Amino acid sequence: MRRLVGICFIGFVLAGCAVQPPAPEAAEAARLAAFTNRQLRISNLSNWTFAGRAAIRTARDGGSVAVYWRELDGHYRIDLIAPFGAGSARLTGDAQRVRLQTSRGVSAVARSARDLLNRYMGYDLPVAALRYWLRGILAPGAVEMRALDRQGRLASLRQQGWRIEFRDYGHFSGVDLPTALQLSRDQVEVNLVIRDWELSA
């Protein structure tokens, strides 16, 4: 009888051990490792394209545009197309020089896309940092706050005075990339929905 009780006791102990969740320290270490691996893998992708739609709201006005963004070895092309034929704009450039062309005949060159968008379209958007945030990775520079989800992906981020909420991810070519995110700073809010990502090495 004692032997039977002992066997049952050992069985209960083993069963209890089998369902124990991982220690918090181990789970956090796994999340951080997944985050680090994601940052490295995605930052090494130099050729990518996405299509989506952005809704922009400021203290003065708001609107929405279709967005087509292509990166190729450090060069980028961003097409912004307003609905119902209201107009379009194209930004092309790299880290040193950017050109803006619009359907209304504007053609201008500057050192940053942010300056061109602010000057000619009235939107002060951190385009250089967006190239990173849109892919779900940190932009260069200080990070004020970041939070990760269970898979080690960015869930929220505060950087360069902007707050970025990563609302959803999709799986593309073996990589999880954002499909819905919100950016906000002061009285500016941008909601972006991405329909499709295309990646190449």
N, C-alpha and C. Protein backbone atom coordinates (compact mmCIF):
# COMPACT_ATOMS: atom_id res chain seq x y z
N MET A 1 0.83 -1.20 0.00
CA MET A 1 0.00 0.00 0.00
C MET A 1 0.87 1.26 0.00
N ARG A 2 1.91 1.23 0.85
CA ARG A 2 2.79 2.39 0.90
C ARG A 2 3.46 2.62 -0.45
N ARG A 3 3.83 1.49 -1.10
CA ARG A 3 4.47 1.62 -2.40
C ARG A 3 3.52 2.25 -3.41
N LEU A 4 2.23 1.86 -3.36
CA LEU A 4 1.24 2.42 -4.27
C LEU A 4 1.06 3.91 -4.03
N VAL A 5 1.00 4.29 -2.75
CA VAL A 5 0.86 5.71 -2.41
C VAL A 5 2.07 6.50 -2.90
N GLY A 6 3.26 5.90 -2.73
CA GLY A 6 4.47 6.58 -3.18
C GLY A 6 4.49 6.78 -4.68
N ILE A 7 4.06 5.77 -5.41
CA ILE A 7 4.01 5.88 -6.87
C ILE A 7 3.04 6.97 -7.29
N CYS A 8 1.86 6.99 -6.64
CA CYS A 8 0.86 8.02 -6.96
C CYS A 8 1.40 9.41 -6.67
N PHE A 9 2.10 9.55 -5.54
CA PHE A 9 2.65 10.85 -5.16
C PHE A 9 3.65 11.33 -6.20
N ILE A 10 4.55 10.41 -6.63
CA ILE A 10 5.54 10.77 -7.64
C ILE A 10 4.85 11.17 -8.94
N GLY A 11 3.78 10.45 -9.29
CA GLY A 11 3.03 10.78 -10.49
C GLY A 11 2.45 12.16 -10.44
N PHE A 12 1.87 12.53 -9.27
CA PHE A 12 1.31 13.88 -9.12
C PHE A 12 2.40 14.94 -9.23
N VAL A 13 3.55 14.68 -8.63
CA VAL A 13 4.65 15.65 -8.69
C VAL A 13 5.11 15.86 -10.13
N LEU A 14 5.29 14.73 -10.84
CA LEU A 14 5.74 14.84 -12.23
C LEU A 14 4.72 15.55 -13.10
N ALA A 15 3.44 15.26 -12.86
CA ALA A 15 2.39 15.94 -13.63
C ALA A 15 2.40 17.43 -13.37
N GLY A 16 2.61 17.79 -12.09
CA GLY A 16 2.68 19.21 -11.75
C GLY A 16 3.85 19.89 -12.41
N CYS A 17 4.99 19.18 -12.46
CA CYS A 17 6.17 19.76 -13.09
C CYS A 17 5.95 19.97 -14.59
N ALA A 18 5.20 19.07 -15.20
CA ALA A 18 5.02 19.13 -16.65
C ALA A 18 4.24 20.35 -17.08
N VAL A 19 3.35 20.86 -16.23
CA VAL A 19 2.51 21.98 -16.63
C VAL A 19 3.00 23.32 -16.09
N GLN A 20 4.14 23.30 -15.42
CA GLN A 20 4.66 24.55 -14.89
C GLN A 20 5.06 25.48 -16.03
N PRO A 21 4.62 26.73 -16.02
CA PRO A 21 5.03 27.67 -17.07
C PRO A 21 6.50 28.02 -16.91
N PRO A 22 7.15 28.49 -17.98
CA PRO A 22 8.55 28.88 -17.86
C PRO A 22 8.71 30.02 -16.87
N ALA A 23 9.87 30.06 -16.22
CA ALA A 23 10.14 31.12 -15.26
C ALA A 23 10.07 32.47 -15.95
N PRO A 24 9.61 33.51 -15.25
CA PRO A 24 9.53 34.84 -15.87
C PRO A 24 10.85 35.30 -16.48
N GLU A 25 11.96 34.99 -15.79
CA GLU A 25 13.25 35.40 -16.31
C GLU A 25 13.57 34.73 -17.64
N ALA A 26 13.22 33.43 -17.74
CA ALA A 26 13.49 32.71 -18.98
C ALA A 26 12.61 33.22 -20.12
N ALA A 27 11.34 33.51 -19.81
CA ALA A 27 10.42 34.02 -20.83
C ALA A 27 10.88 35.39 -21.33
N GLU A 28 11.32 36.24 -20.41
CA GLU A 28 11.79 37.58 -20.81
C GLU A 28 13.06 37.48 -21.64
N ALA A 29 13.96 36.57 -21.25
CA ALA A 29 15.19 36.39 -22.03
C ALA A 29 14.88 35.91 -23.44
N ALA A 30 13.90 35.03 -23.57
CA ALA A 30 13.51 34.53 -24.89
C ALA A 30 12.91 35.65 -25.73
N ARG A 31 12.10 36.51 -25.12
CA ARG A 31 11.51 37.64 -25.85
C ARG A 31 12.59 38.59 -26.34
N LEU A 32 13.54 38.89 -25.47
CA LEU A 32 14.61 39.82 -25.84
C LEU A 32 15.48 39.23 -26.95
N ALA A 33 15.73 37.92 -26.89
CA ALA A 33 16.51 37.27 -27.94
C ALA A 33 15.76 37.33 -29.27
N ALA A 34 14.45 37.08 -29.23
CA ALA A 34 13.65 37.15 -30.46
C ALA A 34 13.64 38.57 -31.01
N PHE A 35 13.54 39.56 -30.12
CA PHE A 35 13.55 40.97 -30.54
C PHE A 35 14.87 41.32 -31.21
N THR A 36 15.97 40.93 -30.59
CA THR A 36 17.30 41.23 -31.14
C THR A 36 17.49 40.58 -32.51
N ASN A 37 17.06 39.33 -32.62
CA ASN A 37 17.18 38.63 -33.91
C ASN A 37 16.34 39.30 -34.99
N ARG A 38 15.13 39.74 -34.61
CA ARG A 38 14.26 40.43 -35.57
C ARG A 38 14.91 41.73 -36.04
N GLN A 39 15.42 42.51 -35.09
CA GLN A 39 16.04 43.78 -35.44
C GLN A 39 17.16 43.58 -36.46
N LEU A 40 17.99 42.57 -36.20
CA LEU A 40 19.13 42.32 -37.07
C LEU A 40 18.67 41.84 -38.45
N ARG A 41 17.75 40.90 -38.46
CA ARG A 41 17.31 40.33 -39.74
C ARG A 41 16.62 41.37 -40.62
N ILE A 42 15.71 42.14 -40.02
CA ILE A 42 14.94 43.10 -40.82
C ILE A 42 15.81 44.28 -41.25
N SER A 43 16.71 44.72 -40.39
CA SER A 43 17.57 45.85 -40.76
C SER A 43 18.50 45.49 -41.91
N ASN A 44 18.77 44.20 -42.09
CA ASN A 44 19.65 43.76 -43.18
C ASN A 44 18.92 43.64 -44.51
N LEU A 45 17.59 43.79 -44.50
CA LEU A 45 16.83 43.75 -45.75
C LEU A 45 16.92 45.12 -46.42
N SER A 46 17.59 45.19 -47.54
CA SER A 46 17.78 46.49 -48.20
C SER A 46 16.80 46.72 -49.34
N ASN A 47 16.08 45.69 -49.76
CA ASN A 47 15.13 45.81 -50.86
C ASN A 47 13.74 45.39 -50.38
N TRP A 48 12.81 46.31 -50.35
CA TRP A 48 11.45 45.98 -49.91
C TRP A 48 10.45 46.98 -50.48
N THR A 49 9.21 46.52 -50.54
CA THR A 49 8.12 47.33 -51.08
C THR A 49 6.86 47.06 -50.27
N PHE A 50 6.07 48.10 -50.03
CA PHE A 50 4.75 47.85 -49.45
C PHE A 50 3.71 48.77 -50.09
N ALA A 51 2.47 48.34 -50.00
CA ALA A 51 1.34 49.15 -50.46
C ALA A 51 0.35 49.26 -49.31
N GLY A 52 -0.18 50.45 -49.10
CA GLY A 52 -1.12 50.65 -48.00
C GLY A 52 -1.87 51.95 -48.12
N ARG A 53 -2.48 52.34 -47.02
CA ARG A 53 -3.24 53.59 -46.98
C ARG A 53 -2.99 54.28 -45.65
N ALA A 54 -2.80 55.60 -45.70
CA ALA A 54 -2.55 56.39 -44.50
C ALA A 54 -3.64 57.43 -44.32
N ALA A 55 -4.14 57.54 -43.09
CA ALA A 55 -5.07 58.60 -42.72
C ALA A 55 -4.32 59.55 -41.80
N ILE A 56 -4.25 60.82 -42.18
CA ILE A 56 -3.47 61.82 -41.45
C ILE A 56 -4.42 62.87 -40.88
N ARG A 57 -4.26 63.15 -39.60
CA ARG A 57 -5.09 64.17 -38.96
C ARG A 57 -4.20 65.14 -38.19
N THR A 58 -4.42 66.44 -38.41
CA THR A 58 -3.70 67.48 -37.69
C THR A 58 -4.71 68.39 -37.02
N ALA A 59 -4.21 69.42 -36.33
CA ALA A 59 -5.11 70.37 -35.67
C ALA A 59 -5.91 71.17 -36.69
N ARG A 60 -5.39 71.30 -37.91
CA ARG A 60 -6.04 72.12 -38.93
C ARG A 60 -6.94 71.32 -39.86
N ASP A 61 -6.49 70.15 -40.26
CA ASP A 61 -7.26 69.39 -41.25
C ASP A 61 -6.88 67.92 -41.19
N GLY A 62 -7.33 67.18 -42.17
CA GLY A 62 -7.02 65.76 -42.24
C GLY A 62 -7.30 65.24 -43.63
N GLY A 63 -6.86 64.05 -43.90
CA GLY A 63 -7.09 63.44 -45.20
C GLY A 63 -6.49 62.06 -45.23
N SER A 64 -6.66 61.40 -46.36
CA SER A 64 -6.11 60.06 -46.52
C SER A 64 -5.46 59.94 -47.89
N VAL A 65 -4.46 59.10 -47.96
CA VAL A 65 -3.75 58.86 -49.22
C VAL A 65 -3.39 57.39 -49.33
N ALA A 66 -3.35 56.90 -50.56
CA ALA A 66 -2.75 55.59 -50.81
C ALA A 66 -1.23 55.78 -50.79
N VAL A 67 -0.53 54.80 -50.23
CA VAL A 67 0.92 54.89 -50.09
C VAL A 67 1.57 53.68 -50.77
N TYR A 68 2.53 53.97 -51.63
CA TYR A 68 3.34 52.92 -52.26
C TYR A 68 4.80 53.27 -51.99
N TRP A 69 5.48 52.42 -51.25
CA TRP A 69 6.84 52.73 -50.80
C TRP A 69 7.78 51.62 -51.27
N ARG A 70 8.85 52.03 -51.95
CA ARG A 70 9.83 51.06 -52.44
C ARG A 70 11.23 51.48 -52.01
N GLU A 71 11.98 50.54 -51.44
CA GLU A 71 13.38 50.75 -51.06
C GLU A 71 14.25 49.81 -51.87
N LEU A 72 15.33 50.35 -52.41
CA LEU A 72 16.25 49.53 -53.19
C LEU A 72 17.67 50.00 -52.93
N ASP A 73 18.40 49.24 -52.12
CA ASP A 73 19.81 49.52 -51.83
C ASP A 73 20.06 50.96 -51.40
N GLY A 74 19.26 51.43 -50.44
CA GLY A 74 19.46 52.77 -49.89
C GLY A 74 18.74 53.88 -50.63
N HIS A 75 18.16 53.58 -51.78
CA HIS A 75 17.37 54.56 -52.52
C HIS A 75 15.88 54.24 -52.33
N TYR A 76 15.07 55.27 -52.27
CA TYR A 76 13.64 55.01 -52.05
C TYR A 76 12.77 55.84 -52.99
N ARG A 77 11.57 55.33 -53.19
CA ARG A 77 10.54 56.04 -53.93
C ARG A 77 9.23 55.89 -53.17
N ILE A 78 8.61 57.01 -52.84
CA ILE A 78 7.35 57.01 -52.10
C ILE A 78 6.31 57.72 -52.95
N ASP A 79 5.25 57.01 -53.28
CA ASP A 79 4.13 57.61 -54.02
C ASP A 79 2.95 57.79 -53.08
N LEU A 80 2.42 59.01 -53.04
CA LEU A 80 1.25 59.35 -52.24
C LEU A 80 0.14 59.78 -53.20
N ILE A 81 -0.98 59.08 -53.16
CA ILE A 81 -2.05 59.34 -54.12
C ILE A 81 -3.35 59.61 -53.37
N ALA A 82 -3.88 60.81 -53.52
CA ALA A 82 -5.13 61.18 -52.86
C ALA A 82 -6.31 60.54 -53.59
N PRO A 83 -7.42 60.31 -52.88
CA PRO A 83 -8.58 59.67 -53.52
C PRO A 83 -9.29 60.60 -54.51
N PHE A 84 -10.06 59.99 -55.40
CA PHE A 84 -10.92 60.71 -56.36
C PHE A 84 -10.13 61.67 -57.25
N GLY A 85 -8.88 61.31 -57.55
CA GLY A 85 -8.09 62.14 -58.46
C GLY A 85 -7.72 63.50 -57.91
N ALA A 86 -7.68 63.62 -56.57
CA ALA A 86 -7.40 64.92 -55.97
C ALA A 86 -5.94 65.34 -56.09
N GLY A 87 -5.07 64.44 -56.49
CA GLY A 87 -3.67 64.81 -56.65
C GLY A 87 -2.75 63.70 -56.19
N SER A 88 -1.48 63.85 -56.52
CA SER A 88 -0.50 62.85 -56.13
C SER A 88 0.85 63.52 -55.94
N ALA A 89 1.73 62.82 -55.23
CA ALA A 89 3.09 63.32 -55.00
C ALA A 89 4.03 62.13 -55.00
N ARG A 90 5.25 62.38 -55.46
CA ARG A 90 6.27 61.34 -55.45
C ARG A 90 7.55 61.89 -54.84
N LEU A 91 8.09 61.14 -53.89
CA LEU A 91 9.38 61.45 -53.28
C LEU A 91 10.38 60.40 -53.73
N THR A 92 11.51 60.83 -54.25
CA THR A 92 12.58 59.91 -54.62
C THR A 92 13.88 60.44 -54.05
N GLY A 93 14.71 59.54 -53.53
CA GLY A 93 15.96 60.01 -52.99
C GLY A 93 16.72 58.97 -52.21
N ASP A 94 17.68 59.47 -51.43
CA ASP A 94 18.50 58.64 -50.57
C ASP A 94 18.85 59.45 -49.33
N ALA A 95 19.89 59.06 -48.62
CA ALA A 95 20.21 59.74 -47.37
C ALA A 95 20.75 61.15 -47.58
N GLN A 96 21.18 61.50 -48.80
CA GLN A 96 21.78 62.81 -49.04
C GLN A 96 20.85 63.79 -49.76
N ARG A 97 19.95 63.29 -50.59
CA ARG A 97 19.20 64.20 -51.47
C ARG A 97 17.84 63.61 -51.79
N VAL A 98 16.81 64.45 -51.77
CA VAL A 98 15.44 63.99 -52.02
C VAL A 98 14.77 64.95 -53.01
N ARG A 99 13.99 64.39 -53.93
CA ARG A 99 13.24 65.20 -54.88
C ARG A 99 11.75 64.96 -54.68
N LEU A 100 10.97 66.03 -54.71
CA LEU A 100 9.52 65.96 -54.65
C LEU A 100 8.94 66.41 -55.98
N GLN A 101 8.02 65.63 -56.52
CA GLN A 101 7.28 66.00 -57.72
C GLN A 101 5.80 65.75 -57.45
N THR A 102 4.95 66.71 -57.81
CA THR A 102 3.52 66.56 -57.57
C THR A 102 2.75 66.71 -58.87
N SER A 103 1.50 66.27 -58.83
CA SER A 103 0.63 66.38 -60.01
C SER A 103 0.24 67.82 -60.29
N ARG A 104 0.53 68.71 -59.36
CA ARG A 104 0.23 70.13 -59.57
C ARG A 104 1.42 70.91 -60.10
N GLY A 105 2.46 70.20 -60.49
CA GLY A 105 3.59 70.86 -61.12
C GLY A 105 4.73 71.23 -60.20
N VAL A 106 4.64 70.90 -58.92
CA VAL A 106 5.73 71.21 -58.01
C VAL A 106 6.89 70.25 -58.26
N SER A 107 8.09 70.80 -58.34
CA SER A 107 9.31 70.00 -58.43
C SER A 107 10.36 70.68 -57.57
N ALA A 108 10.79 70.00 -56.53
CA ALA A 108 11.71 70.63 -55.58
C ALA A 108 12.69 69.59 -55.05
N VAL A 109 13.84 70.08 -54.63
CA VAL A 109 14.89 69.21 -54.10
C VAL A 109 15.31 69.74 -52.73
N ALA A 110 15.57 68.82 -51.80
CA ALA A 110 16.04 69.20 -50.47
C ALA A 110 16.90 68.07 -49.92
N ARG A 111 17.43 68.30 -48.74
CA ARG A 111 18.27 67.27 -48.13
C ARG A 111 17.45 66.22 -47.38
N SER A 112 16.17 66.52 -47.10
CA SER A 112 15.35 65.54 -46.39
C SER A 112 13.92 65.56 -46.91
N ALA A 113 13.30 64.39 -46.91
CA ALA A 113 11.90 64.29 -47.32
C ALA A 113 11.00 65.01 -46.33
N ARG A 114 11.40 65.04 -45.08
CA ARG A 114 10.59 65.72 -44.07
C ARG A 114 10.44 67.20 -44.40
N ASP A 115 11.53 67.84 -44.81
CA ASP A 115 11.46 69.27 -45.16
C ASP A 115 10.52 69.50 -46.34
N LEU A 116 10.60 68.65 -47.34
CA LEU A 116 9.76 68.82 -48.53
C LEU A 116 8.28 68.63 -48.21
N LEU A 117 7.95 67.59 -47.44
CA LEU A 117 6.55 67.35 -47.08
C LEU A 117 6.00 68.50 -46.24
N ASN A 118 6.82 69.01 -45.33
CA ASN A 118 6.36 70.09 -44.47
C ASN A 118 6.17 71.38 -45.27
N ARG A 119 7.08 71.66 -46.17
CA ARG A 119 7.04 72.91 -46.92
C ARG A 119 5.93 72.94 -47.97
N TYR A 120 5.73 71.83 -48.66
CA TYR A 120 4.81 71.85 -49.80
C TYR A 120 3.47 71.17 -49.54
N MET A 121 3.41 70.32 -48.51
CA MET A 121 2.16 69.62 -48.25
C MET A 121 1.60 69.88 -46.85
N GLY A 122 2.40 70.54 -46.01
CA GLY A 122 1.91 70.92 -44.69
C GLY A 122 1.93 69.82 -43.65
N TYR A 123 2.65 68.73 -43.92
CA TYR A 123 2.73 67.63 -42.96
C TYR A 123 4.16 67.46 -42.48
N ASP A 124 4.34 67.55 -41.16
CA ASP A 124 5.67 67.39 -40.57
C ASP A 124 5.81 65.94 -40.11
N LEU A 125 6.32 65.10 -40.99
CA LEU A 125 6.42 63.66 -40.71
C LEU A 125 7.88 63.22 -40.75
N PRO A 126 8.30 62.39 -39.80
CA PRO A 126 9.70 61.96 -39.72
C PRO A 126 10.00 60.83 -40.70
N VAL A 127 10.12 61.16 -41.97
CA VAL A 127 10.24 60.13 -43.01
C VAL A 127 11.46 59.24 -42.78
N ALA A 128 12.59 59.82 -42.38
CA ALA A 128 13.80 59.01 -42.17
C ALA A 128 13.57 57.94 -41.10
N ALA A 129 12.88 58.30 -40.02
CA ALA A 129 12.59 57.32 -38.97
C ALA A 129 11.50 56.35 -39.40
N LEU A 130 10.56 56.83 -40.19
CA LEU A 130 9.48 55.96 -40.67
C LEU A 130 10.02 54.77 -41.44
N ARG A 131 11.12 54.94 -42.12
CA ARG A 131 11.71 53.83 -42.87
C ARG A 131 12.01 52.65 -41.95
N TYR A 132 12.25 52.91 -40.69
CA TYR A 132 12.50 51.85 -39.71
C TYR A 132 11.21 51.43 -39.00
N TRP A 133 10.47 52.39 -38.50
CA TRP A 133 9.26 52.07 -37.74
C TRP A 133 8.27 51.25 -38.55
N LEU A 134 8.12 51.56 -39.83
CA LEU A 134 7.17 50.84 -40.67
C LEU A 134 7.51 49.35 -40.75
N ARG A 135 8.78 49.02 -40.58
CA ARG A 135 9.18 47.61 -40.62
C ARG A 135 9.18 46.97 -39.23
N GLY A 136 8.80 47.75 -38.22
CA GLY A 136 8.74 47.20 -36.87
C GLY A 136 10.08 47.12 -36.18
N ILE A 137 11.00 48.03 -36.53
CA ILE A 137 12.30 48.06 -35.87
C ILE A 137 12.60 49.48 -35.40
N LEU A 138 13.58 49.60 -34.51
CA LEU A 138 13.95 50.89 -33.94
C LEU A 138 14.70 51.73 -34.96
N ALA A 139 14.42 53.03 -34.97
CA ALA A 139 15.22 53.96 -35.76
C ALA A 139 16.51 54.25 -35.01
N PRO A 140 17.57 54.67 -35.70
CA PRO A 140 18.80 55.04 -35.00
C PRO A 140 18.54 56.16 -34.00
N GLY A 141 19.28 56.14 -32.91
CA GLY A 141 19.13 57.19 -31.90
C GLY A 141 18.49 56.69 -30.63
N ALA A 142 18.29 57.62 -29.71
CA ALA A 142 17.77 57.28 -28.38
C ALA A 142 16.35 56.76 -28.47
N VAL A 143 16.04 55.84 -27.57
CA VAL A 143 14.69 55.28 -27.45
C VAL A 143 14.13 55.70 -26.09
N GLU A 144 13.01 56.38 -26.11
CA GLU A 144 12.41 56.86 -24.87
C GLU A 144 11.62 55.78 -24.15
N MET A 145 11.01 54.89 -24.91
CA MET A 145 10.24 53.78 -24.33
C MET A 145 9.99 52.75 -25.41
N ARG A 146 10.00 51.48 -25.02
CA ARG A 146 9.57 50.43 -25.94
C ARG A 146 8.94 49.30 -25.14
N ALA A 147 7.97 48.64 -25.76
CA ALA A 147 7.32 47.49 -25.15
C ALA A 147 7.20 46.41 -26.22
N LEU A 148 7.39 45.16 -25.80
CA LEU A 148 7.36 44.04 -26.72
C LEU A 148 6.14 43.17 -26.47
N ASP A 149 5.68 42.48 -27.52
CA ASP A 149 4.63 41.50 -27.33
C ASP A 149 5.26 40.15 -26.99
N ARG A 150 4.45 39.10 -26.89
CA ARG A 150 4.97 37.80 -26.46
C ARG A 150 5.95 37.20 -27.46
N GLN A 151 5.84 37.60 -28.72
CA GLN A 151 6.73 37.07 -29.75
C GLN A 151 8.02 37.88 -29.91
N GLY A 152 8.20 38.89 -29.05
CA GLY A 152 9.39 39.71 -29.15
C GLY A 152 9.31 40.77 -30.23
N ARG A 153 8.09 41.08 -30.68
CA ARG A 153 7.89 42.14 -31.67
C ARG A 153 7.54 43.44 -30.95
N LEU A 154 7.84 44.56 -31.57
CA LEU A 154 7.47 45.84 -30.97
C LEU A 154 5.96 45.96 -30.87
N ALA A 155 5.48 46.28 -29.67
CA ALA A 155 4.06 46.54 -29.46
C ALA A 155 3.80 48.03 -29.37
N SER A 156 4.70 48.76 -28.75
CA SER A 156 4.61 50.22 -28.69
C SER A 156 6.01 50.79 -28.53
N LEU A 157 6.16 52.03 -28.96
CA LEU A 157 7.48 52.65 -28.99
C LEU A 157 7.32 54.15 -28.86
N ARG A 158 8.24 54.78 -28.15
CA ARG A 158 8.32 56.24 -28.13
C ARG A 158 9.74 56.63 -28.50
N GLN A 159 9.86 57.37 -29.61
CA GLN A 159 11.17 57.74 -30.12
C GLN A 159 11.04 59.05 -30.90
N GLN A 160 12.02 59.93 -30.73
CA GLN A 160 12.03 61.23 -31.41
C GLN A 160 10.76 62.03 -31.13
N GLY A 161 10.19 61.83 -29.95
CA GLY A 161 8.99 62.56 -29.56
C GLY A 161 7.70 61.97 -30.10
N TRP A 162 7.79 60.90 -30.89
CA TRP A 162 6.62 60.25 -31.46
C TRP A 162 6.27 58.99 -30.66
N ARG A 163 4.98 58.73 -30.58
CA ARG A 163 4.52 57.47 -30.00
C ARG A 163 3.99 56.60 -31.13
N ILE A 164 4.48 55.37 -31.19
CA ILE A 164 4.08 54.45 -32.25
C ILE A 164 3.44 53.23 -31.61
N GLU A 165 2.21 52.94 -32.03
CA GLU A 165 1.50 51.74 -31.57
C GLU A 165 1.42 50.76 -32.74
N PHE A 166 1.94 49.57 -32.52
CA PHE A 166 1.91 48.53 -33.55
C PHE A 166 0.68 47.67 -33.30
N ARG A 167 -0.37 47.90 -34.10
CA ARG A 167 -1.67 47.29 -33.84
C ARG A 167 -1.79 45.86 -34.35
N ASP A 168 -1.07 45.54 -35.43
CA ASP A 168 -1.19 44.20 -35.99
C ASP A 168 0.03 43.89 -36.84
N TYR A 169 0.30 42.59 -36.97
CA TYR A 169 1.40 42.11 -37.80
C TYR A 169 0.88 41.06 -38.78
N GLY A 170 1.59 40.90 -39.88
CA GLY A 170 1.33 39.83 -40.83
C GLY A 170 2.62 39.10 -41.14
N HIS A 171 2.51 37.92 -41.71
CA HIS A 171 3.69 37.10 -42.02
C HIS A 171 3.97 37.17 -43.51
N PHE A 172 5.16 37.67 -43.87
CA PHE A 172 5.52 37.86 -45.27
C PHE A 172 6.93 37.33 -45.50
N SER A 173 7.05 36.39 -46.41
CA SER A 173 8.37 35.83 -46.78
C SER A 173 9.16 35.40 -45.55
N GLY A 174 8.46 34.78 -44.60
CA GLY A 174 9.13 34.27 -43.41
C GLY A 174 9.39 35.29 -42.33
N VAL A 175 8.87 36.51 -42.47
CA VAL A 175 9.13 37.58 -41.50
C VAL A 175 7.80 38.21 -41.08
N ASP A 176 7.66 38.48 -39.78
CA ASP A 176 6.50 39.23 -39.29
C ASP A 176 6.75 40.72 -39.46
N LEU A 177 5.84 41.39 -40.17
CA LEU A 177 5.97 42.83 -40.42
C LEU A 177 4.65 43.51 -40.08
N PRO A 178 4.71 44.79 -39.65
CA PRO A 178 3.48 45.50 -39.27
C PRO A 178 2.50 45.62 -40.44
N THR A 179 1.22 45.46 -40.12
CA THR A 179 0.16 45.69 -41.11
C THR A 179 -0.80 46.79 -40.65
N ALA A 180 -0.68 47.21 -39.40
CA ALA A 180 -1.50 48.32 -38.89
C ALA A 180 -0.73 49.00 -37.77
N LEU A 181 -0.55 50.31 -37.87
CA LEU A 181 0.14 51.05 -36.83
C LEU A 181 -0.36 52.48 -36.77
N GLN A 182 -0.18 53.07 -35.59
CA GLN A 182 -0.61 54.45 -35.37
C GLN A 182 0.56 55.24 -34.83
N LEU A 183 0.78 56.42 -35.41
CA LEU A 183 1.82 57.33 -34.95
C LEU A 183 1.16 58.61 -34.47
N SER A 184 1.63 59.13 -33.35
CA SER A 184 1.04 60.37 -32.83
C SER A 184 2.12 61.21 -32.14
N ARG A 185 1.95 62.51 -32.31
CA ARG A 185 2.81 63.48 -31.64
C ARG A 185 2.07 64.81 -31.61
N ASP A 186 1.97 65.39 -30.43
CA ASP A 186 1.24 66.64 -30.25
C ASP A 186 -0.15 66.50 -30.87
N GLN A 187 -0.45 67.30 -31.89
CA GLN A 187 -1.78 67.26 -32.50
C GLN A 187 -1.79 66.57 -33.87
N VAL A 188 -0.78 65.76 -34.10
CA VAL A 188 -0.69 65.01 -35.36
C VAL A 188 -0.90 63.53 -35.08
N GLU A 189 -1.75 62.90 -35.88
CA GLU A 189 -1.99 61.46 -35.76
C GLU A 189 -2.02 60.84 -37.15
N VAL A 190 -1.31 59.75 -37.30
CA VAL A 190 -1.26 59.03 -38.57
C VAL A 190 -1.64 57.58 -38.32
N ASN A 191 -2.65 57.10 -39.02
CA ASN A 191 -3.04 55.70 -38.96
C ASN A 191 -2.72 55.07 -40.31
N LEU A 192 -1.93 54.02 -40.26
CA LEU A 192 -1.47 53.38 -41.49
C LEU A 192 -1.87 51.92 -41.52
N VAL A 193 -2.48 51.51 -42.61
CA VAL A 193 -2.83 50.11 -42.84
C VAL A 193 -2.06 49.64 -44.07
N ILE A 194 -1.31 48.57 -43.91
CA ILE A 194 -0.48 48.04 -45.00
C ILE A 194 -1.12 46.76 -45.53
N ARG A 195 -1.38 46.73 -46.82
CA ARG A 195 -2.03 45.57 -47.44
C ARG A 195 -1.04 44.47 -47.76
N ASP A 196 0.15 44.86 -48.21
CA ASP A 196 1.06 43.84 -48.73
C ASP A 196 2.51 44.29 -48.60
N TRP A 197 3.36 43.34 -48.26
CA TRP A 197 4.80 43.55 -48.23
C TRP A 197 5.46 42.64 -49.25
N GLU A 198 6.49 43.14 -49.91
CA GLU A 198 7.33 42.31 -50.77
C GLU A 198 8.78 42.52 -50.34
N LEU A 199 9.47 41.42 -50.10
CA LEU A 199 10.84 41.48 -49.59
C LEU A 199 11.78 40.75 -50.53
N SER A 200 13.01 41.27 -50.60
CA SER A 200 14.09 40.55 -51.28
C SER A 200 15.38 40.92 -50.59
N ALA A 201 16.36 40.07 -50.72
CA ALA A 201 17.62 40.26 -50.00
C ALA A 201 18.37 41.49 -50.50
